[in-house]
Amino acid sequence: MLTKFLIFVLIDLQKMATLKFLVQSIGKNKNIYIRLSIDRNNVFKRKTNFAINSADWNHKSGFPYTRTESLKNLKTDLGKLKTNIEERYNKSVSKGAFISGQWLQDQINNT
């Protein structure tokens, strides 16, 4: 019984986070947001430094369509941002850091 409890505690400490990019409105030059979802009660959304024409955004994949070279580059840049935030999240959680919306904004600004 104690073993099951210890396993549960270890799993609970390392929560998986989900990152998703979104465009909230329709039109040209719309901001791309990133949403960090840790659990039901901890969901943070912040504006990235990227913008796109909403017609070029694939809402299912959460990335731009790759119709042009600039859209391919944007998709690559967003992928790098996502990877960097995931790596920093894992390091921060392992150190016991408090994850918040401000933490997410700091990661965006430092990329």
PDB file of N, CA and C in Angstrom:
ATOM      1  N   MET A   1       0.823  -1.196   0.000  1.00  0.00           N
ATOM      2  CA  MET A   1       0.000   0.000   0.000  1.00  0.00           C
ATOM      3  C   MET A   1       0.866   1.259   0.000  1.00  0.00           C
ATOM      4  N   LEU A   2       1.922   1.259   0.779  1.00  0.00           N
ATOM      5  CA  LEU A   2       2.816   2.411   0.828  1.00  0.00           C
ATOM      6  C   LEU A   2       3.496   2.631  -0.523  1.00  0.00           C
ATOM      7  N   THR A   3       3.826   1.549  -1.222  1.00  0.00           N
ATOM      8  CA  THR A   3       4.461   1.665  -2.526  1.00  0.00           C
ATOM      9  C   THR A   3       3.544   2.382  -3.521  1.00  0.00           C
ATOM     10  N   LYS A   4       2.264   2.041  -3.519  1.00  0.00           N
ATOM     11  CA  LYS A   4       1.314   2.694  -4.418  1.00  0.00           C
ATOM     12  C   LYS A   4       1.220   4.183  -4.099  1.00  0.00           C
ATOM     13  N   PHE A   5       1.236   4.534  -2.841  1.00  0.00           N
ATOM     14  CA  PHE A   5       1.165   5.936  -2.446  1.00  0.00           C
ATOM     15  C   PHE A   5       2.389   6.700  -2.934  1.00  0.00           C
ATOM     16  N   LEU A   6       3.568   6.120  -2.776  1.00  0.00           N
ATOM     17  CA  LEU A   6       4.791   6.779  -3.212  1.00  0.00           C
ATOM     18  C   LEU A   6       4.822   6.975  -4.720  1.00  0.00           C
ATOM     19  N   ILE A   7       4.362   5.990  -5.464  1.00  0.00           N
ATOM     20  CA  ILE A   7       4.308   6.114  -6.919  1.00  0.00           C
ATOM     21  C   ILE A   7       3.359   7.237  -7.301  1.00  0.00           C
ATOM     22  N   PHE A   8       2.209   7.329  -6.638  1.00  0.00           N
ATOM     23  CA  PHE A   8       1.243   8.387  -6.926  1.00  0.00           C
ATOM     24  C   PHE A   8       1.841   9.762  -6.653  1.00  0.00           C
ATOM     25  N   VAL A   9       2.546   9.904  -5.560  1.00  0.00           N
ATOM     26  CA  VAL A   9       3.152  11.187  -5.216  1.00  0.00           C
ATOM     27  C   VAL A   9       4.199  11.576  -6.247  1.00  0.00           C
ATOM     28  N   LEU A  10       5.022  10.647  -6.691  1.00  0.00           N
ATOM     29  CA  LEU A  10       6.040  10.953  -7.688  1.00  0.00           C
ATOM     30  C   LEU A  10       5.423  11.355  -9.019  1.00  0.00           C
ATOM     31  N   ILE A  11       4.370  10.676  -9.428  1.00  0.00           N
ATOM     32  CA  ILE A  11       3.695  11.008 -10.676  1.00  0.00           C
ATOM     33  C   ILE A  11       3.040  12.378 -10.560  1.00  0.00           C
ATOM     34  N   ASP A  12       2.449  12.683  -9.419  1.00  0.00           N
ATOM     35  CA  ASP A  12       1.749  13.948  -9.236  1.00  0.00           C
ATOM     36  C   ASP A  12       2.710  15.134  -9.269  1.00  0.00           C
ATOM     37  N   LEU A  13       3.947  14.952  -8.853  1.00  0.00           N
ATOM     38  CA  LEU A  13       4.915  16.043  -8.841  1.00  0.00           C
ATOM     39  C   LEU A  13       5.343  16.448 -10.247  1.00  0.00           C
ATOM     40  N   GLN A  14       5.386  15.522 -11.179  1.00  0.00           N
ATOM     41  CA  GLN A  14       5.826  15.791 -12.542  1.00  0.00           C
ATOM     42  C   GLN A  14       4.622  15.825 -13.470  1.00  0.00           C
ATOM     43  N   LYS A  15       3.902  16.941 -13.492  1.00  0.00           N
ATOM     44  CA  LYS A  15       2.728  17.068 -14.346  1.00  0.00           C
ATOM     45  C   LYS A  15       3.162  17.393 -15.761  1.00  0.00           C
ATOM     46  N   MET A  16       2.513  16.755 -16.700  1.00  0.00           N
ATOM     47  CA  MET A  16       2.772  17.028 -18.109  1.00  0.00           C
ATOM     48  C   MET A  16       2.081  18.328 -18.485  1.00  0.00           C
ATOM     49  N   ALA A  17       2.750  19.126 -19.226  1.00  0.00           N
ATOM     50  CA  ALA A  17       2.173  20.376 -19.708  1.00  0.00           C
ATOM     51  C   ALA A  17       1.897  20.248 -21.198  1.00  0.00           C
ATOM     52  N   THR A  18       0.874  20.949 -21.645  1.00  0.00           N
ATOM     53  CA  THR A  18       0.537  20.991 -23.059  1.00  0.00           C
ATOM     54  C   THR A  18       0.687  22.417 -23.550  1.00  0.00           C
ATOM     55  N   LEU A  19       1.357  22.571 -24.672  1.00  0.00           N
ATOM     56  CA  LEU A  19       1.518  23.877 -25.294  1.00  0.00           C
ATOM     57  C   LEU A  19       0.800  23.879 -26.633  1.00  0.00           C
ATOM     58  N   LYS A  20       0.034  24.924 -26.878  1.00  0.00           N
ATOM     59  CA  LYS A  20      -0.693  25.046 -28.144  1.00  0.00           C
ATOM     60  C   LYS A  20      -0.681  26.501 -28.585  1.00  0.00           C
ATOM     61  N   PHE A  21      -0.493  26.705 -29.882  1.00  0.00           N
ATOM     62  CA  PHE A  21      -0.553  28.038 -30.458  1.00  0.00           C
ATOM     63  C   PHE A  21      -1.957  28.301 -30.968  1.00  0.00           C
ATOM     64  N   LEU A  22      -2.413  29.567 -30.862  1.00  0.00           N
ATOM     65  CA  LEU A  22      -3.740  29.934 -31.351  1.00  0.00           C
ATOM     66  C   LEU A  22      -3.748  31.326 -31.946  1.00  0.00           C
ATOM     67  N   VAL A  23      -4.678  31.523 -32.864  1.00  0.00           N
ATOM     68  CA  VAL A  23      -4.985  32.843 -33.407  1.00  0.00           C
ATOM     69  C   VAL A  23      -6.429  33.100 -33.027  1.00  0.00           C
ATOM     70  N   GLN A  24      -6.686  34.197 -32.322  1.00  0.00           N
ATOM     71  CA  GLN A  24      -8.004  34.424 -31.732  1.00  0.00           C
ATOM     72  C   GLN A  24      -8.988  35.181 -32.610  1.00  0.00           C
ATOM     73  N   SER A  25      -8.504  35.861 -33.653  1.00  0.00           N
ATOM     74  CA  SER A  25      -9.426  36.650 -34.455  1.00  0.00           C
ATOM     75  C   SER A  25      -9.121  36.476 -35.940  1.00  0.00           C
ATOM     76  N   ILE A  26     -10.009  36.995 -36.749  1.00  0.00           N
ATOM     77  CA  ILE A  26      -9.906  36.843 -38.195  1.00  0.00           C
ATOM     78  C   ILE A  26      -9.392  38.146 -38.800  1.00  0.00           C
ATOM     79  N   GLY A  27      -8.467  38.026 -39.756  1.00  0.00           N
ATOM     80  CA  GLY A  27      -7.948  39.186 -40.452  1.00  0.00           C
ATOM     81  C   GLY A  27      -6.455  39.080 -40.689  1.00  0.00           C
ATOM     82  N   LYS A  28      -5.894  40.161 -41.205  1.00  0.00           N
ATOM     83  CA  LYS A  28      -4.454  40.208 -41.482  1.00  0.00           C
ATOM     84  C   LYS A  28      -3.702  40.694 -40.246  1.00  0.00           C
ATOM     85  N   ASN A  29      -2.481  40.219 -40.118  1.00  0.00           N
ATOM     86  CA  ASN A  29      -1.590  40.630 -39.028  1.00  0.00           C
ATOM     87  C   ASN A  29      -2.193  40.414 -37.644  1.00  0.00           C
ATOM     88  N   LYS A  30      -2.708  39.244 -37.406  1.00  0.00           N
ATOM     89  CA  LYS A  30      -3.282  38.900 -36.109  1.00  0.00           C
ATOM     90  C   LYS A  30      -2.227  38.213 -35.246  1.00  0.00           C
ATOM     91  N   ASN A  31      -2.251  38.521 -33.976  1.00  0.00           N
ATOM     92  CA  ASN A  31      -1.268  37.970 -33.040  1.00  0.00           C
ATOM     93  C   ASN A  31      -1.445  36.472 -32.875  1.00  0.00           C
ATOM     94  N   ILE A  32      -0.318  35.798 -32.686  1.00  0.00           N
ATOM     95  CA  ILE A  32      -0.319  34.373 -32.363  1.00  0.00           C
ATOM     96  C   ILE A  32      -0.091  34.264 -30.865  1.00  0.00           C
ATOM     97  N   TYR A  33      -0.961  33.538 -30.197  1.00  0.00           N
ATOM     98  CA  TYR A  33      -0.878  33.331 -28.758  1.00  0.00           C
ATOM     99  C   TYR A  33      -0.392  31.908 -28.485  1.00  0.00           C
ATOM    100  N   ILE A  34       0.178  31.720 -27.316  1.00  0.00           N
ATOM    101  CA  ILE A  34       0.538  30.377 -26.868  1.00  0.00           C
ATOM    102  C   ILE A  34      -0.205  30.102 -25.568  1.00  0.00           C
ATOM    103  N   ARG A  35      -0.730  28.894 -25.458  1.00  0.00           N
ATOM    104  CA  ARG A  35      -1.447  28.487 -24.259  1.00  0.00           C
ATOM    105  C   ARG A  35      -0.669  27.349 -23.594  1.00  0.00           C
ATOM    106  N   LEU A  36      -0.339  27.540 -22.331  1.00  0.00           N
ATOM    107  CA  LEU A  36       0.323  26.524 -21.514  1.00  0.00           C
ATOM    108  C   LEU A  36      -0.724  25.967 -20.575  1.00  0.00           C
ATOM    109  N   SER A  37      -1.010  24.694 -20.741  1.00  0.00           N
ATOM    110  CA  SER A  37      -2.010  24.029 -19.910  1.00  0.00           C
ATOM    111  C   SER A  37      -1.321  22.957 -19.074  1.00  0.00           C
ATOM    112  N   ILE A  38      -1.305  23.176 -17.765  1.00  0.00           N
ATOM    113  CA  ILE A  38      -0.678  22.222 -16.857  1.00  0.00           C
ATOM    114  C   ILE A  38      -1.727  21.242 -16.337  1.00  0.00           C
ATOM    115  N   ASP A  39      -2.832  21.776 -15.896  1.00  0.00           N
ATOM    116  CA  ASP A  39      -3.990  20.985 -15.496  1.00  0.00           C
ATOM    117  C   ASP A  39      -5.223  21.866 -15.638  1.00  0.00           C
ATOM    118  N   ARG A  40      -6.342  21.385 -15.197  1.00  0.00           N
ATOM    119  CA  ARG A  40      -7.595  22.111 -15.385  1.00  0.00           C
ATOM    120  C   ARG A  40      -7.581  23.506 -14.751  1.00  0.00           C
ATOM    121  N   ASN A  41      -6.896  23.642 -13.645  1.00  0.00           N
ATOM    122  CA  ASN A  41      -6.884  24.903 -12.909  1.00  0.00           C
ATOM    123  C   ASN A  41      -5.695  25.800 -13.222  1.00  0.00           C
ATOM    124  N   ASN A  42      -4.762  25.307 -13.999  1.00  0.00           N
ATOM    125  CA  ASN A  42      -3.553  26.069 -14.323  1.00  0.00           C
ATOM    126  C   ASN A  42      -3.370  26.140 -15.832  1.00  0.00           C
ATOM    127  N   VAL A  43      -4.029  27.120 -16.438  1.00  0.00           N
ATOM    128  CA  VAL A  43      -3.954  27.354 -17.878  1.00  0.00           C
ATOM    129  C   VAL A  43      -3.574  28.818 -18.079  1.00  0.00           C
ATOM    130  N   PHE A  44      -2.490  29.051 -18.816  1.00  0.00           N
ATOM    131  CA  PHE A  44      -1.984  30.405 -19.018  1.00  0.00           C
ATOM    132  C   PHE A  44      -1.861  30.675 -20.509  1.00  0.00           C
ATOM    133  N   LYS A  45      -2.289  31.854 -20.933  1.00  0.00           N
ATOM    134  CA  LYS A  45      -2.213  32.230 -22.345  1.00  0.00           C
ATOM    135  C   LYS A  45      -1.518  33.584 -22.452  1.00  0.00           C
ATOM    136  N   ARG A  46      -0.544  33.651 -23.356  1.00  0.00           N
ATOM    137  CA  ARG A  46       0.196  34.884 -23.555  1.00  0.00           C
ATOM    138  C   ARG A  46       0.448  35.114 -25.043  1.00  0.00           C
ATOM    139  N   LYS A  47       0.612  36.382 -25.394  1.00  0.00           N
ATOM    140  CA  LYS A  47       0.895  36.775 -26.771  1.00  0.00           C
ATOM    141  C   LYS A  47       2.356  36.485 -27.079  1.00  0.00           C
ATOM    142  N   THR A  48       2.600  35.878 -28.247  1.00  0.00           N
ATOM    143  CA  THR A  48       3.979  35.685 -28.705  1.00  0.00           C
ATOM    144  C   THR A  48       4.397  36.925 -29.485  1.00  0.00           C
ATOM    145  N   ASN A  49       5.594  36.906 -30.002  1.00  0.00           N
ATOM    146  CA  ASN A  49       6.086  38.026 -30.805  1.00  0.00           C
ATOM    147  C   ASN A  49       5.824  37.823 -32.290  1.00  0.00           C
ATOM    148  N   PHE A  50       4.903  36.915 -32.616  1.00  0.00           N
ATOM    149  CA  PHE A  50       4.622  36.579 -34.008  1.00  0.00           C
ATOM    150  C   PHE A  50       3.196  36.967 -34.373  1.00  0.00           C
ATOM    151  N   ALA A  51       2.999  37.273 -35.669  1.00  0.00           N
ATOM    152  CA  ALA A  51       1.674  37.601 -36.186  1.00  0.00           C
ATOM    153  C   ALA A  51       1.495  36.908 -37.531  1.00  0.00           C
ATOM    154  N   ILE A  52       0.226  36.738 -37.931  1.00  0.00           N
ATOM    155  CA  ILE A  52      -0.065  36.007 -39.166  1.00  0.00           C
ATOM    156  C   ILE A  52      -1.419  36.448 -39.710  1.00  0.00           C
ATOM    157  N   ASN A  53      -1.608  36.281 -40.996  1.00  0.00           N
ATOM    158  CA  ASN A  53      -2.924  36.419 -41.600  1.00  0.00           C
ATOM    159  C   ASN A  53      -3.724  35.183 -41.178  1.00  0.00           C
ATOM    160  N   SER A  54      -4.879  35.376 -40.607  1.00  0.00           N
ATOM    161  CA  SER A  54      -5.633  34.238 -40.068  1.00  0.00           C
ATOM    162  C   SER A  54      -6.008  33.216 -41.145  1.00  0.00           C
ATOM    163  N   ALA A  55      -6.058  33.623 -42.415  1.00  0.00           N
ATOM    164  CA  ALA A  55      -6.347  32.689 -43.505  1.00  0.00           C
ATOM    165  C   ALA A  55      -5.206  31.687 -43.703  1.00  0.00           C
ATOM    166  N   ASP A  56      -4.024  32.018 -43.223  1.00  0.00           N
ATOM    167  CA  ASP A  56      -2.861  31.135 -43.342  1.00  0.00           C
ATOM    168  C   ASP A  56      -2.663  30.243 -42.113  1.00  0.00           C
ATOM    169  N   TRP A  57      -3.602  30.278 -41.188  1.00  0.00           N
ATOM    170  CA  TRP A  57      -3.466  29.535 -39.931  1.00  0.00           C
ATOM    171  C   TRP A  57      -4.288  28.258 -39.971  1.00  0.00           C
ATOM    172  N   ASN A  58      -3.670  27.147 -39.593  1.00  0.00           N
ATOM    173  CA  ASN A  58      -4.356  25.854 -39.503  1.00  0.00           C
ATOM    174  C   ASN A  58      -4.775  25.656 -38.052  1.00  0.00           C
ATOM    175  N   HIS A  59      -6.061  25.811 -37.775  1.00  0.00           N
ATOM    176  CA  HIS A  59      -6.556  25.725 -36.401  1.00  0.00           C
ATOM    177  C   HIS A  59      -6.454  24.315 -35.831  1.00  0.00           C
ATOM    178  N   LYS A  60      -6.503  23.310 -36.671  1.00  0.00           N
ATOM    179  CA  LYS A  60      -6.399  21.930 -36.175  1.00  0.00           C
ATOM    180  C   LYS A  60      -4.993  21.610 -35.686  1.00  0.00           C
ATOM    181  N   SER A  61      -3.991  22.000 -36.467  1.00  0.00           N
ATOM    182  CA  SER A  61      -2.618  21.671 -36.087  1.00  0.00           C
ATOM    183  C   SER A  61      -2.030  22.682 -35.111  1.00  0.00           C
ATOM    184  N   GLY A  62      -2.581  23.901 -35.090  1.00  0.00           N
ATOM    185  CA  GLY A  62      -2.026  24.938 -34.232  1.00  0.00           C
ATOM    186  C   GLY A  62      -0.759  25.540 -34.795  1.00  0.00           C
ATOM    187  N   PHE A  63      -0.569  25.408 -36.099  1.00  0.00           N
ATOM    188  CA  PHE A  63       0.589  25.967 -36.792  1.00  0.00           C
ATOM    189  C   PHE A  63       0.121  26.553 -38.120  1.00  0.00           C
ATOM    190  N   PRO A  64       0.957  27.393 -38.757  1.00  0.00           N
ATOM    191  CA  PRO A  64       0.551  27.940 -40.052  1.00  0.00           C
ATOM    192  C   PRO A  64       0.594  26.875 -41.150  1.00  0.00           C
ATOM    193  N   TYR A  65      -0.226  27.092 -42.191  1.00  0.00           N
ATOM    194  CA  TYR A  65      -0.078  26.291 -43.394  1.00  0.00           C
ATOM    195  C   TYR A  65       1.291  26.609 -43.985  1.00  0.00           C
ATOM    196  N   THR A  66       1.870  25.665 -44.693  1.00  0.00           N
ATOM    197  CA  THR A  66       3.209  25.889 -45.250  1.00  0.00           C
ATOM    198  C   THR A  66       3.117  26.157 -46.749  1.00  0.00           C
ATOM    199  N   ARG A  67       2.371  27.168 -47.109  1.00  0.00           N
ATOM    200  CA  ARG A  67       2.149  27.515 -48.523  1.00  0.00           C
ATOM    201  C   ARG A  67       3.314  28.298 -49.122  1.00  0.00           C
ATOM    202  N   THR A  68       3.980  29.087 -48.303  1.00  0.00           N
ATOM    203  CA  THR A  68       5.079  29.931 -48.799  1.00  0.00           C
ATOM    204  C   THR A  68       6.314  29.719 -47.932  1.00  0.00           C
ATOM    205  N   GLU A  69       7.416  30.252 -48.410  1.00  0.00           N
ATOM    206  CA  GLU A  69       8.675  30.129 -47.655  1.00  0.00           C
ATOM    207  C   GLU A  69       8.594  30.848 -46.309  1.00  0.00           C
ATOM    208  N   SER A  70       7.959  32.023 -46.286  1.00  0.00           N
ATOM    209  CA  SER A  70       7.857  32.761 -45.018  1.00  0.00           C
ATOM    210  C   SER A  70       6.975  32.019 -44.010  1.00  0.00           C
ATOM    211  N   LEU A  71       5.937  31.338 -44.482  1.00  0.00           N
ATOM    212  CA  LEU A  71       5.095  30.548 -43.568  1.00  0.00           C
ATOM    213  C   LEU A  71       5.854  29.326 -43.052  1.00  0.00           C
ATOM    214  N   LYS A  72       6.686  28.731 -43.896  1.00  0.00           N
ATOM    215  CA  LYS A  72       7.522  27.604 -43.450  1.00  0.00           C
ATOM    216  C   LYS A  72       8.492  28.068 -42.365  1.00  0.00           C
ATOM    217  N   ASN A  73       9.075  29.245 -42.567  1.00  0.00           N
ATOM    218  CA  ASN A  73       9.995  29.795 -41.567  1.00  0.00           C
ATOM    219  C   ASN A  73       9.269  30.115 -40.260  1.00  0.00           C
ATOM    220  N   LEU A  74       8.056  30.645 -40.373  1.00  0.00           N
ATOM    221  CA  LEU A  74       7.259  30.936 -39.182  1.00  0.00           C
ATOM    222  C   LEU A  74       6.947  29.655 -38.417  1.00  0.00           C
ATOM    223  N   LYS A  75       6.594  28.601 -39.143  1.00  0.00           N
ATOM    224  CA  LYS A  75       6.312  27.314 -38.492  1.00  0.00           C
ATOM    225  C   LYS A  75       7.550  26.795 -37.759  1.00  0.00           C
ATOM    226  N   THR A  76       8.708  26.945 -38.383  1.00  0.00           N
ATOM    227  CA  THR A  76       9.966  26.529 -37.753  1.00  0.00           C
ATOM    228  C   THR A  76      10.241  27.348 -36.495  1.00  0.00           C
ATOM    229  N   ASP A  77      10.045  28.660 -36.580  1.00  0.00           N
ATOM    230  CA  ASP A  77      10.267  29.529 -35.421  1.00  0.00           C
ATOM    231  C   ASP A  77       9.326  29.196 -34.273  1.00  0.00           C
ATOM    232  N   LEU A  78       8.068  28.916 -34.587  1.00  0.00           N
ATOM    233  CA  LEU A  78       7.108  28.540 -33.548  1.00  0.00           C
ATOM    234  C   LEU A  78       7.482  27.195 -32.924  1.00  0.00           C
ATOM    235  N   GLY A  79       7.951  26.271 -33.751  1.00  0.00           N
ATOM    236  CA  GLY A  79       8.399  24.979 -33.238  1.00  0.00           C
ATOM    237  C   GLY A  79       9.569  25.125 -32.277  1.00  0.00           C
ATOM    238  N   LYS A  80      10.493  26.017 -32.615  1.00  0.00           N
ATOM    239  CA  LYS A  80      11.642  26.274 -31.730  1.00  0.00           C
ATOM    240  C   LYS A  80      11.184  26.898 -30.413  1.00  0.00           C
ATOM    241  N   LEU A  81      10.248  27.842 -30.496  1.00  0.00           N
ATOM    242  CA  LEU A  81       9.723  28.471 -29.285  1.00  0.00           C
ATOM    243  C   LEU A  81       9.054  27.427 -28.393  1.00  0.00           C
ATOM    244  N   LYS A  82       8.260  26.567 -28.996  1.00  0.00           N
ATOM    245  CA  LYS A  82       7.577  25.520 -28.236  1.00  0.00           C
ATOM    246  C   LYS A  82       8.583  24.590 -27.553  1.00  0.00           C
ATOM    247  N   THR A  83       9.594  24.173 -28.296  1.00  0.00           N
ATOM    248  CA  THR A  83      10.617  23.282 -27.730  1.00  0.00           C
ATOM    249  C   THR A  83      11.354  23.954 -26.578  1.00  0.00           C
ATOM    250  N   ASN A  84      11.731  25.225 -26.754  1.00  0.00           N
ATOM    251  CA  ASN A  84      12.436  25.953 -25.698  1.00  0.00           C
ATOM    252  C   ASN A  84      11.584  26.063 -24.436  1.00  0.00           C
ATOM    253  N   ILE A  85      10.315  26.384 -24.598  1.00  0.00           N
ATOM    254  CA  ILE A  85       9.442  26.518 -23.429  1.00  0.00           C
ATOM    255  C   ILE A  85       9.249  25.170 -22.753  1.00  0.00           C
ATOM    256  N   GLU A  86       9.089  24.094 -23.536  1.00  0.00           N
ATOM    257  CA  GLU A  86       8.948  22.755 -22.942  1.00  0.00           C
ATOM    258  C   GLU A  86      10.185  22.384 -22.130  1.00  0.00           C
ATOM    259  N   GLU A  87      11.370  22.651 -22.681  1.00  0.00           N
ATOM    260  CA  GLU A  87      12.611  22.326 -21.967  1.00  0.00           C
ATOM    261  C   GLU A  87      12.738  23.140 -20.685  1.00  0.00           C
ATOM    262  N   ARG A  88      12.442  24.430 -20.766  1.00  0.00           N
ATOM    263  CA  ARG A  88      12.528  25.290 -19.584  1.00  0.00           C
ATOM    264  C   ARG A  88      11.468  24.918 -18.548  1.00  0.00           C
ATOM    265  N   TYR A  89      10.302  24.517 -19.011  1.00  0.00           N
ATOM    266  CA  TYR A  89       9.249  24.075 -18.092  1.00  0.00           C
ATOM    267  C   TYR A  89       9.731  22.851 -17.311  1.00  0.00           C
ATOM    268  N   ASN A  90      10.273  21.869 -18.015  1.00  0.00           N
ATOM    269  CA  ASN A  90      10.749  20.652 -17.348  1.00  0.00           C
ATOM    270  C   ASN A  90      11.844  20.961 -16.333  1.00  0.00           C
ATOM    271  N   LYS A  91      12.766  21.850 -16.689  1.00  0.00           N
ATOM    272  CA  LYS A  91      13.827  22.230 -15.748  1.00  0.00           C
ATOM    273  C   LYS A  91      13.258  22.970 -14.543  1.00  0.00           C
ATOM    274  N   SER A  92      12.326  23.874 -14.796  1.00  0.00           N
ATOM    275  CA  SER A  92      11.739  24.654 -13.705  1.00  0.00           C
ATOM    276  C   SER A  92      10.948  23.781 -12.751  1.00  0.00           C
ATOM    277  N   VAL A  93      10.175  22.854 -13.296  1.00  0.00           N
ATOM    278  CA  VAL A  93       9.375  21.966 -12.449  1.00  0.00           C
ATOM    279  C   VAL A  93      10.283  21.073 -11.617  1.00  0.00           C
ATOM    280  N   SER A  94      11.371  20.585 -12.224  1.00  0.00           N
ATOM    281  CA  SER A  94      12.283  19.718 -11.465  1.00  0.00           C
ATOM    282  C   SER A  94      12.970  20.478 -10.329  1.00  0.00           C
ATOM    283  N   LYS A  95      13.107  21.809 -10.489  1.00  0.00           N
ATOM    284  CA  LYS A  95      13.696  22.633  -9.434  1.00  0.00           C
ATOM    285  C   LYS A  95      12.649  23.142  -8.442  1.00  0.00           C
ATOM    286  N   GLY A  96      11.389  22.870  -8.710  1.00  0.00           N
ATOM    287  CA  GLY A  96      10.323  23.295  -7.804  1.00  0.00           C
ATOM    288  C   GLY A  96       9.873  24.722  -8.005  1.00  0.00           C
ATOM    289  N   ALA A  97      10.113  25.294  -9.174  1.00  0.00           N
ATOM    290  CA  ALA A  97       9.740  26.679  -9.450  1.00  0.00           C
ATOM    291  C   ALA A  97       8.222  26.816  -9.581  1.00  0.00           C
ATOM    292  N   PHE A  98       7.735  27.999  -9.294  1.00  0.00           N
ATOM    293  CA  PHE A  98       6.317  28.317  -9.424  1.00  0.00           C
ATOM    294  C   PHE A  98       6.046  28.713 -10.873  1.00  0.00           C
ATOM    295  N   ILE A  99       5.168  27.997 -11.534  1.00  0.00           N
ATOM    296  CA  ILE A  99       4.828  28.265 -12.929  1.00  0.00           C
ATOM    297  C   ILE A  99       3.576  29.130 -12.962  1.00  0.00           C
ATOM    298  N   SER A 100       3.671  30.259 -13.659  1.00  0.00           N
ATOM    299  CA  SER A 100       2.543  31.194 -13.732  1.00  0.00           C
ATOM    300  C   SER A 100       2.507  31.833 -15.121  1.00  0.00           C
ATOM    301  N   GLY A 101       1.550  32.717 -15.315  1.00  0.00           N
ATOM    302  CA  GLY A 101       1.478  33.455 -16.562  1.00  0.00           C
ATOM    303  C   GLY A 101       2.698  34.340 -16.756  1.00  0.00           C
ATOM    304  N   GLN A 102       3.190  34.910 -15.681  1.00  0.00           N
ATOM    305  CA  GLN A 102       4.395  35.732 -15.765  1.00  0.00           C
ATOM    306  C   GLN A 102       5.605  34.884 -16.139  1.00  0.00           C
ATOM    307  N   TRP A 103       5.680  33.674 -15.610  1.00  0.00           N
ATOM    308  CA  TRP A 103       6.756  32.760 -15.968  1.00  0.00           C
ATOM    309  C   TRP A 103       6.712  32.499 -17.473  1.00  0.00           C
ATOM    310  N   LEU A 104       5.524  32.237 -18.004  1.00  0.00           N
ATOM    311  CA  LEU A 104       5.370  31.980 -19.437  1.00  0.00           C
ATOM    312  C   LEU A 104       5.805  33.196 -20.249  1.00  0.00           C
ATOM    313  N   GLN A 105       5.387  34.382 -19.844  1.00  0.00           N
ATOM    314  CA  GLN A 105       5.771  35.607 -20.563  1.00  0.00           C
ATOM    315  C   GLN A 105       7.282  35.808 -20.531  1.00  0.00           C
ATOM    316  N   ASP A 106       7.911  35.504 -19.407  1.00  0.00           N
ATOM    317  CA  ASP A 106       9.367  35.607 -19.306  1.00  0.00           C
ATOM    318  C   ASP A 106      10.066  34.655 -20.280  1.00  0.00           C
ATOM    319  N   GLN A 107       9.518  33.469 -20.445  1.00  0.00           N
ATOM    320  CA  GLN A 107      10.114  32.504 -21.384  1.00  0.00           C
ATOM    321  C   GLN A 107       9.984  32.985 -22.823  1.00  0.00           C
ATOM    322  N   ILE A 108       8.851  33.588 -23.147  1.00  0.00           N
ATOM    323  CA  ILE A 108       8.648  34.140 -24.496  1.00  0.00           C
ATOM    324  C   ILE A 108       9.623  35.276 -24.743  1.00  0.00           C
ATOM    325  N   ASN A 109       9.784  36.154 -23.767  1.00  0.00           N
ATOM    326  CA  ASN A 109      10.667  37.321 -23.918  1.00  0.00           C
ATOM    327  C   ASN A 109      12.132  36.927 -24.006  1.00  0.00           C
ATOM    328  N   ASN A 110      12.511  35.816 -23.371  1.00  0.00           N
ATOM    329  CA  ASN A 110      13.915  35.393 -23.342  1.00  0.00           C
ATOM    330  C   ASN A 110      14.285  34.435 -24.458  1.00  0.00           C
ATOM    331  N   THR A 111      13.406  34.262 -25.415  1.00  0.00           N
ATOM    332  CA  THR A 111      13.692  33.345 -26.525  1.00  0.00           C
ATOM    333  C   THR A 111      14.159  34.111 -27.732  1.00  0.00           C
TER     334      THR A 111
END
